Amino acid sequence: MTGLGATRLAAAGAAVLTVAAGLGARSAATGVPGYAGDVLYTVLVAALVVLAAPRLRPVAAAVTAFGLSCAVELFQLTGVPAALAAHSRIAPLVLGTSFHAPDLLWYAVGAAAGWAVHAAARRAARRSDAAA
């Protein structure tokens, strides 16, 4: 498998695991931090960014994921996501429903986590290529 193919496969796997973790956190009993979903949302966006553009450097993927997450949060100020949520079960999961400023901080945490995982995966791939 080529480097880009392996990167895409890893990003797809990360996206699936992130969705599973997010759904698990959403359905878990009390005690799960309320902002876990915000962090995981941005981690998912980072994985999807890498899936779409596997050559992006980890910092670029993280900044893009953070920017997209913030754009969705700011879009909530328009009321459109809340209106869509009234007609769809998926819309509130993807777009949220109402603006909450602290979410922006948690998106930064998610972007940092996405960057760390992406950077570690790149280092491991380089070591593996060097050893081969």
N, C-alpha and C. Protein backbone atom coordinates (compact mmCIF):
# COMPACT_ATOMS: atom_id res chain seq x y z
N MET A 1 0.85 -1.18 0.00
CA MET A 1 0.00 0.00 0.00
C MET A 1 0.89 1.24 0.00
N THR A 2 0.54 2.23 -0.80
CA THR A 2 1.33 3.45 -0.88
C THR A 2 1.19 4.26 0.39
N GLY A 3 2.06 5.22 0.56
CA GLY A 3 2.00 6.09 1.74
C GLY A 3 0.68 6.82 1.84
N LEU A 4 0.17 7.33 0.70
CA LEU A 4 -1.11 8.04 0.73
C LEU A 4 -2.26 7.10 1.04
N GLY A 5 -2.19 5.88 0.48
CA GLY A 5 -3.23 4.90 0.76
C GLY A 5 -3.25 4.53 2.23
N ALA A 6 -2.08 4.34 2.81
CA ALA A 6 -1.99 4.01 4.23
C ALA A 6 -2.49 5.17 5.09
N THR A 7 -2.17 6.38 4.67
CA THR A 7 -2.63 7.56 5.41
C THR A 7 -4.15 7.65 5.37
N ARG A 8 -4.71 7.43 4.19
CA ARG A 8 -6.17 7.47 4.06
C ARG A 8 -6.83 6.36 4.89
N LEU A 9 -6.26 5.18 4.86
CA LEU A 9 -6.82 4.07 5.62
C LEU A 9 -6.78 4.38 7.12
N ALA A 10 -5.67 4.91 7.58
CA ALA A 10 -5.55 5.28 8.99
C ALA A 10 -6.54 6.38 9.36
N ALA A 11 -6.71 7.36 8.48
CA ALA A 11 -7.65 8.45 8.74
C ALA A 11 -9.09 7.93 8.78
N ALA A 12 -9.41 7.01 7.88
CA ALA A 12 -10.76 6.42 7.87
C ALA A 12 -11.00 5.63 9.16
N GLY A 13 -10.00 4.88 9.58
CA GLY A 13 -10.12 4.13 10.83
C GLY A 13 -10.28 5.06 12.02
N ALA A 14 -9.52 6.14 12.02
CA ALA A 14 -9.63 7.13 13.10
C ALA A 14 -11.02 7.76 13.12
N ALA A 15 -11.56 8.03 11.94
CA ALA A 15 -12.91 8.62 11.86
C ALA A 15 -13.95 7.67 12.43
N VAL A 16 -13.86 6.39 12.07
CA VAL A 16 -14.83 5.41 12.58
C VAL A 16 -14.72 5.29 14.09
N LEU A 17 -13.50 5.20 14.61
CA LEU A 17 -13.30 5.11 16.06
C LEU A 17 -13.80 6.36 16.78
N THR A 18 -13.60 7.51 16.16
CA THR A 18 -14.03 8.76 16.78
C THR A 18 -15.55 8.85 16.83
N VAL A 19 -16.21 8.44 15.76
CA VAL A 19 -17.68 8.43 15.76
C VAL A 19 -18.19 7.48 16.85
N ALA A 20 -17.59 6.30 16.93
CA ALA A 20 -18.00 5.35 17.96
C ALA A 20 -17.81 5.92 19.37
N ALA A 21 -16.66 6.56 19.59
CA ALA A 21 -16.40 7.17 20.90
C ALA A 21 -17.39 8.29 21.18
N GLY A 22 -17.69 9.10 20.16
CA GLY A 22 -18.64 10.20 20.34
C GLY A 22 -20.04 9.71 20.66
N LEU A 23 -20.48 8.68 19.95
CA LEU A 23 -21.81 8.13 20.23
C LEU A 23 -21.84 7.47 21.60
N GLY A 24 -20.74 6.83 21.97
CA GLY A 24 -20.66 6.24 23.30
C GLY A 24 -20.69 7.29 24.39
N ALA A 25 -19.96 8.36 24.20
CA ALA A 25 -19.95 9.44 25.19
C ALA A 25 -21.33 10.10 25.29
N ARG A 26 -21.99 10.20 24.15
CA ARG A 26 -23.32 10.83 24.11
C ARG A 26 -24.35 10.00 24.87
N SER A 27 -24.22 8.69 24.79
CA SER A 27 -25.22 7.82 25.41
C SER A 27 -24.82 7.36 26.81
N ALA A 28 -23.61 7.69 27.24
CA ALA A 28 -23.13 7.25 28.55
C ALA A 28 -23.90 7.92 29.68
N ALA A 29 -23.84 7.29 30.79
CA ALA A 29 -24.49 7.85 31.97
C ALA A 29 -23.75 9.10 32.44
N THR A 30 -24.23 9.69 33.51
CA THR A 30 -23.62 10.90 34.02
C THR A 30 -22.16 10.63 34.39
N GLY A 31 -21.39 11.67 34.44
CA GLY A 31 -19.98 11.53 34.74
C GLY A 31 -19.11 11.74 33.53
N VAL A 32 -19.68 11.62 32.34
CA VAL A 32 -18.91 11.88 31.13
C VAL A 32 -18.86 13.39 30.95
N PRO A 33 -17.67 13.94 30.78
CA PRO A 33 -17.59 15.40 30.61
C PRO A 33 -18.46 15.88 29.46
N GLY A 34 -19.17 16.95 29.70
CA GLY A 34 -20.09 17.48 28.70
C GLY A 34 -19.41 17.93 27.42
N TYR A 35 -18.13 18.20 27.49
CA TYR A 35 -17.45 18.72 26.31
C TYR A 35 -16.70 17.65 25.53
N ALA A 36 -16.83 16.41 25.94
CA ALA A 36 -16.17 15.32 25.20
C ALA A 36 -16.63 15.32 23.75
N GLY A 37 -17.91 15.58 23.53
CA GLY A 37 -18.44 15.62 22.17
C GLY A 37 -17.80 16.70 21.33
N ASP A 38 -17.55 17.86 21.93
CA ASP A 38 -16.91 18.96 21.20
C ASP A 38 -15.49 18.59 20.79
N VAL A 39 -14.76 17.99 21.72
CA VAL A 39 -13.39 17.56 21.43
C VAL A 39 -13.41 16.52 20.31
N LEU A 40 -14.27 15.52 20.46
CA LEU A 40 -14.33 14.43 19.48
C LEU A 40 -14.84 14.93 18.13
N TYR A 41 -15.71 15.92 18.13
CA TYR A 41 -16.21 16.50 16.88
C TYR A 41 -15.04 17.02 16.05
N THR A 42 -14.16 17.76 16.70
CA THR A 42 -13.02 18.33 15.97
C THR A 42 -12.00 17.26 15.61
N VAL A 43 -11.83 16.26 16.45
CA VAL A 43 -10.95 15.14 16.09
C VAL A 43 -11.50 14.46 14.84
N LEU A 44 -12.83 14.27 14.78
CA LEU A 44 -13.44 13.68 13.59
C LEU A 44 -13.22 14.55 12.37
N VAL A 45 -13.41 15.84 12.51
CA VAL A 45 -13.19 16.74 11.37
C VAL A 45 -11.73 16.65 10.92
N ALA A 46 -10.80 16.57 11.85
CA ALA A 46 -9.38 16.45 11.50
C ALA A 46 -9.14 15.15 10.73
N ALA A 47 -9.74 14.07 11.18
CA ALA A 47 -9.57 12.79 10.47
C ALA A 47 -10.14 12.88 9.06
N LEU A 48 -11.29 13.53 8.92
CA LEU A 48 -11.90 13.67 7.59
C LEU A 48 -11.07 14.58 6.69
N VAL A 49 -10.46 15.60 7.27
CA VAL A 49 -9.57 16.48 6.49
C VAL A 49 -8.39 15.68 5.97
N VAL A 50 -7.79 14.85 6.82
CA VAL A 50 -6.65 14.03 6.40
C VAL A 50 -7.10 13.00 5.37
N LEU A 51 -8.28 12.45 5.55
CA LEU A 51 -8.82 11.49 4.57
C LEU A 51 -8.95 12.15 3.19
N ALA A 52 -9.42 13.39 3.18
CA ALA A 52 -9.61 14.11 1.92
C ALA A 52 -8.30 14.63 1.34
N ALA A 53 -7.38 15.01 2.20
CA ALA A 53 -6.11 15.60 1.75
C ALA A 53 -4.97 14.98 2.55
N PRO A 54 -4.58 13.76 2.22
CA PRO A 54 -3.59 13.04 3.03
C PRO A 54 -2.19 13.64 3.05
N ARG A 55 -1.90 14.53 2.12
CA ARG A 55 -0.57 15.15 2.10
C ARG A 55 -0.45 16.36 3.03
N LEU A 56 -1.56 16.79 3.58
CA LEU A 56 -1.51 17.94 4.49
C LEU A 56 -0.63 17.62 5.68
N ARG A 57 0.14 18.59 6.08
CA ARG A 57 0.95 18.45 7.28
C ARG A 57 0.02 18.45 8.49
N PRO A 58 0.42 17.82 9.59
CA PRO A 58 -0.45 17.75 10.77
C PRO A 58 -0.95 19.10 11.26
N VAL A 59 -0.09 20.11 11.26
CA VAL A 59 -0.54 21.42 11.74
C VAL A 59 -1.60 22.02 10.81
N ALA A 60 -1.44 21.83 9.51
CA ALA A 60 -2.44 22.36 8.56
C ALA A 60 -3.77 21.64 8.72
N ALA A 61 -3.72 20.33 8.91
CA ALA A 61 -4.96 19.57 9.12
C ALA A 61 -5.66 20.01 10.41
N ALA A 62 -4.87 20.22 11.46
CA ALA A 62 -5.45 20.64 12.74
C ALA A 62 -6.06 22.04 12.65
N VAL A 63 -5.36 22.96 12.01
CA VAL A 63 -5.88 24.33 11.86
C VAL A 63 -7.15 24.31 11.01
N THR A 64 -7.16 23.53 9.96
CA THR A 64 -8.35 23.42 9.11
C THR A 64 -9.52 22.85 9.90
N ALA A 65 -9.28 21.80 10.68
CA ALA A 65 -10.34 21.20 11.49
C ALA A 65 -10.87 22.19 12.51
N PHE A 66 -9.98 22.92 13.15
CA PHE A 66 -10.41 23.93 14.12
C PHE A 66 -11.24 25.01 13.44
N GLY A 67 -10.79 25.49 12.30
CA GLY A 67 -11.53 26.52 11.57
C GLY A 67 -12.92 26.05 11.14
N LEU A 68 -13.01 24.83 10.63
CA LEU A 68 -14.31 24.30 10.22
C LEU A 68 -15.24 24.12 11.42
N SER A 69 -14.69 23.64 12.53
CA SER A 69 -15.51 23.47 13.73
C SER A 69 -16.03 24.81 14.23
N CYS A 70 -15.16 25.81 14.24
CA CYS A 70 -15.59 27.16 14.66
C CYS A 70 -16.62 27.73 13.70
N ALA A 71 -16.46 27.48 12.41
CA ALA A 71 -17.44 27.97 11.43
C ALA A 71 -18.81 27.36 11.68
N VAL A 72 -18.84 26.07 11.99
CA VAL A 72 -20.13 25.42 12.29
C VAL A 72 -20.73 26.03 13.55
N GLU A 73 -19.90 26.25 14.55
CA GLU A 73 -20.41 26.85 15.81
C GLU A 73 -20.98 28.24 15.55
N LEU A 74 -20.27 29.03 14.78
CA LEU A 74 -20.76 30.38 14.47
C LEU A 74 -22.00 30.34 13.59
N PHE A 75 -22.12 29.33 12.74
CA PHE A 75 -23.31 29.15 11.91
C PHE A 75 -24.55 28.96 12.78
N GLN A 76 -24.36 28.43 13.98
CA GLN A 76 -25.47 28.23 14.89
C GLN A 76 -26.12 29.56 15.31
N LEU A 77 -25.37 30.63 15.22
CA LEU A 77 -25.93 31.96 15.55
C LEU A 77 -27.04 32.37 14.58
N THR A 78 -27.06 31.76 13.40
CA THR A 78 -28.07 32.13 12.40
C THR A 78 -29.43 31.50 12.69
N GLY A 79 -29.48 30.45 13.48
CA GLY A 79 -30.73 29.75 13.74
C GLY A 79 -31.04 28.67 12.72
N VAL A 80 -30.31 28.64 11.62
CA VAL A 80 -30.56 27.64 10.58
C VAL A 80 -30.35 26.22 11.11
N PRO A 81 -29.25 25.93 11.81
CA PRO A 81 -29.08 24.57 12.33
C PRO A 81 -30.21 24.13 13.26
N ALA A 82 -30.70 25.03 14.10
CA ALA A 82 -31.81 24.69 14.99
C ALA A 82 -33.06 24.36 14.19
N ALA A 83 -33.31 25.12 13.13
CA ALA A 83 -34.47 24.85 12.28
C ALA A 83 -34.32 23.51 11.58
N LEU A 84 -33.13 23.20 11.10
CA LEU A 84 -32.89 21.91 10.44
C LEU A 84 -33.05 20.76 11.43
N ALA A 85 -32.65 20.98 12.68
CA ALA A 85 -32.74 19.94 13.70
C ALA A 85 -34.18 19.52 13.96
N ALA A 86 -35.11 20.43 13.73
CA ALA A 86 -36.52 20.10 13.93
C ALA A 86 -37.02 19.09 12.91
N HIS A 87 -36.30 18.92 11.82
CA HIS A 87 -36.73 18.03 10.74
C HIS A 87 -35.78 16.86 10.49
N SER A 88 -34.72 16.75 11.27
CA SER A 88 -33.71 15.74 11.00
C SER A 88 -33.07 15.26 12.28
N ARG A 89 -32.76 13.99 12.34
CA ARG A 89 -32.03 13.46 13.50
C ARG A 89 -30.53 13.64 13.33
N ILE A 90 -30.08 13.75 12.10
CA ILE A 90 -28.65 13.87 11.83
C ILE A 90 -28.18 15.32 11.94
N ALA A 91 -29.01 16.27 11.55
CA ALA A 91 -28.61 17.68 11.55
C ALA A 91 -28.04 18.15 12.89
N PRO A 92 -28.70 17.85 14.01
CA PRO A 92 -28.11 18.34 15.27
C PRO A 92 -26.78 17.68 15.61
N LEU A 93 -26.55 16.45 15.14
CA LEU A 93 -25.26 15.80 15.39
C LEU A 93 -24.15 16.45 14.58
N VAL A 94 -24.48 16.89 13.38
CA VAL A 94 -23.48 17.48 12.48
C VAL A 94 -23.33 18.98 12.72
N LEU A 95 -24.45 19.67 12.88
CA LEU A 95 -24.43 21.14 12.95
C LEU A 95 -24.69 21.71 14.33
N GLY A 96 -25.11 20.89 15.29
CA GLY A 96 -25.48 21.42 16.59
C GLY A 96 -26.79 22.17 16.48
N THR A 97 -27.16 22.85 17.55
CA THR A 97 -28.42 23.60 17.51
C THR A 97 -28.29 25.03 18.02
N SER A 98 -27.41 25.25 18.99
CA SER A 98 -27.30 26.59 19.55
C SER A 98 -25.85 26.93 19.87
N PHE A 99 -25.53 28.19 19.69
CA PHE A 99 -24.17 28.68 19.93
C PHE A 99 -23.83 28.60 21.41
N HIS A 100 -22.62 28.14 21.69
CA HIS A 100 -22.12 28.09 23.06
C HIS A 100 -20.63 28.42 22.99
N ALA A 101 -20.26 29.61 23.41
CA ALA A 101 -18.89 30.10 23.25
C ALA A 101 -17.81 29.17 23.81
N PRO A 102 -18.01 28.53 24.98
CA PRO A 102 -16.96 27.64 25.48
C PRO A 102 -16.64 26.47 24.55
N ASP A 103 -17.55 26.14 23.66
CA ASP A 103 -17.28 25.07 22.70
C ASP A 103 -16.04 25.38 21.87
N LEU A 104 -15.79 26.66 21.60
CA LEU A 104 -14.64 27.04 20.79
C LEU A 104 -13.33 26.60 21.44
N LEU A 105 -13.26 26.70 22.76
CA LEU A 105 -12.07 26.24 23.48
C LEU A 105 -11.90 24.73 23.32
N TRP A 106 -12.99 24.00 23.43
CA TRP A 106 -12.92 22.54 23.33
C TRP A 106 -12.59 22.10 21.91
N TYR A 107 -12.97 22.89 20.92
CA TYR A 107 -12.57 22.59 19.55
C TYR A 107 -11.05 22.72 19.42
N ALA A 108 -10.47 23.69 20.10
CA ALA A 108 -9.01 23.84 20.08
C ALA A 108 -8.34 22.61 20.70
N VAL A 109 -8.93 22.10 21.78
CA VAL A 109 -8.39 20.89 22.41
C VAL A 109 -8.48 19.71 21.43
N GLY A 110 -9.61 19.60 20.74
CA GLY A 110 -9.77 18.54 19.75
C GLY A 110 -8.79 18.66 18.60
N ALA A 111 -8.55 19.89 18.15
CA ALA A 111 -7.59 20.12 17.07
C ALA A 111 -6.18 19.73 17.53
N ALA A 112 -5.85 20.06 18.78
CA ALA A 112 -4.54 19.69 19.31
C ALA A 112 -4.41 18.17 19.40
N ALA A 113 -5.47 17.50 19.81
CA ALA A 113 -5.44 16.03 19.87
C ALA A 113 -5.30 15.44 18.47
N GLY A 114 -6.03 15.99 17.52
CA GLY A 114 -5.92 15.52 16.14
C GLY A 114 -4.52 15.73 15.59
N TRP A 115 -3.93 16.88 15.90
CA TRP A 115 -2.56 17.16 15.47
C TRP A 115 -1.60 16.14 16.07
N ALA A 116 -1.74 15.87 17.38
CA ALA A 116 -0.82 14.95 18.04
C ALA A 116 -0.88 13.55 17.45
N VAL A 117 -2.09 13.07 17.18
CA VAL A 117 -2.23 11.73 16.61
C VAL A 117 -1.68 11.69 15.19
N HIS A 118 -2.00 12.71 14.41
CA HIS A 118 -1.52 12.76 13.02
C HIS A 118 0.01 12.84 12.98
N ALA A 119 0.58 13.69 13.82
CA ALA A 119 2.04 13.84 13.85
C ALA A 119 2.70 12.54 14.29
N ALA A 120 2.15 11.87 15.29
CA ALA A 120 2.72 10.61 15.76
C ALA A 120 2.62 9.53 14.67
N ALA A 121 1.51 9.49 13.97
CA ALA A 121 1.34 8.51 12.89
C ALA A 121 2.34 8.78 11.77
N ARG A 122 2.57 10.04 11.46
CA ARG A 122 3.56 10.37 10.41
C ARG A 122 4.96 9.95 10.82
N ARG A 123 5.31 10.19 12.08
CA ARG A 123 6.64 9.80 12.56
C ARG A 123 6.80 8.29 12.50
N ALA A 124 5.78 7.57 12.90
CA ALA A 124 5.83 6.09 12.89
C ALA A 124 5.95 5.59 11.45
N ALA A 125 5.24 6.21 10.52
CA ALA A 125 5.32 5.80 9.11
C ALA A 125 6.72 6.06 8.56
N ARG A 126 7.32 7.18 8.93
CA ARG A 126 8.68 7.48 8.46
C ARG A 126 9.68 6.48 8.99
N ARG A 127 9.54 6.12 10.28
CA ARG A 127 10.45 5.13 10.87
C ARG A 127 10.28 3.79 10.18
N SER A 128 9.04 3.44 9.89
CA SER A 128 8.76 2.16 9.22
C SER A 128 9.36 2.15 7.81
N ASP A 129 9.22 3.26 7.10
CA ASP A 129 9.79 3.37 5.74
C ASP A 129 11.31 3.30 5.78
N ALA A 130 11.91 3.92 6.79
CA ALA A 130 13.37 3.93 6.91
C ALA A 130 13.90 2.53 7.23
N ALA A 131 13.13 1.78 7.99
CA ALA A 131 13.57 0.43 8.39
C ALA A 131 13.42 -0.56 7.24
N ALA A 132 12.56 -0.26 6.29
CA ALA A 132 12.30 -1.21 5.19
C ALA A 132 13.33 -1.17 4.12
